Amino acid sequence: MGFKANLLKKIEIDQTAARIAASIGPPDSGRRIDKQLARGFLSQAGYEKIIERDLELYRLAPQAGRERILVLDNDLPIYATSPADVALRKSPIVKEMLNIRNIFKILNDADVLVSQKDESLRTLREEMIAGLDLHFEAADIEDIYNDGRASLESKYAEGIEETLQLFAELLGYGPPPAVLRQAHCLIIGHASSPPGSAFGPTVLFNRMHMDLKLIRTAVVLKDEGAVAQYQKVAAGEAEADATGVEVLAFLRDAVLALPKR
């Protein structure tokens, strides 16, 4: 795959991992992991599926010479042991429970438990992303810009949004705080530190009007005047710093100005 395809794949991995994480509830929440979503995620990674008794297991790449087995349940544990040993610990039969050594294993899995829940999900995400070539040249960024410009000229909303997502990923841009959100708009921008203090530069794409705008200056969120001016620009009542293809050029140039990876 080329750079753009790999970057889109990374975005998909991140989004899917976030959705799975959101479906894993705390012990007393009653929420259960979205197994269908998790199965697709694990299948996409190419992990071998193993059915052992009533358990759905996945074989990860060995680490430090030890097998790694993930159990698809609400805890999403990863064990450094064999599928048979996981089955013994997680779903023992009566005969196995008569053995004192087995009882110790069933009652305490600390000797083989590597991670659970968010930590396990983070491991899966990192290993999937590690397999992607995310190195890029100036020509790759120019291609993204050109695709976005073509989408803008043909009024292809999905293509424009894809271009903005790609630039957002490269620049570390994210969604706006609640006070800056707009109906029917995809908005990306730079969140200042500390979080919640300011937001910008900001790019706004109105899907209804096919309107692409840039506000270069960061909006200080406690500054009511600055927020009001932002709202005017978003509503088309004040002039933006750049519009249309100029916005894409701004994003392209910002990426090209980043330190080389």
Foldseek 3Di string as FASTA:
>chain_A
DDQLVLLVVLVVLVVLLVVQLVQQDPPPPPGWGPLVSVVVLLVVLVWDWDCDPPWTKTWDDQDPPFTWIFTPTSFRWIWRHDPVLVCLQPPNDPVQCVDPVSVVCNVDVVVTTDGTRPVNSVVSSVVSSVPGDNADDLVVLVVLLVQLLVCLVVVPVVSVVSSVVSLCVLLVWDADPPLLDDPQKDKTFDADPPGPQWTDQMWIARSVVRKIATAHDIQGVVPPVSSVVSVCCVVVNDPGPDIRSVVSVVSSVVSVPDPRD
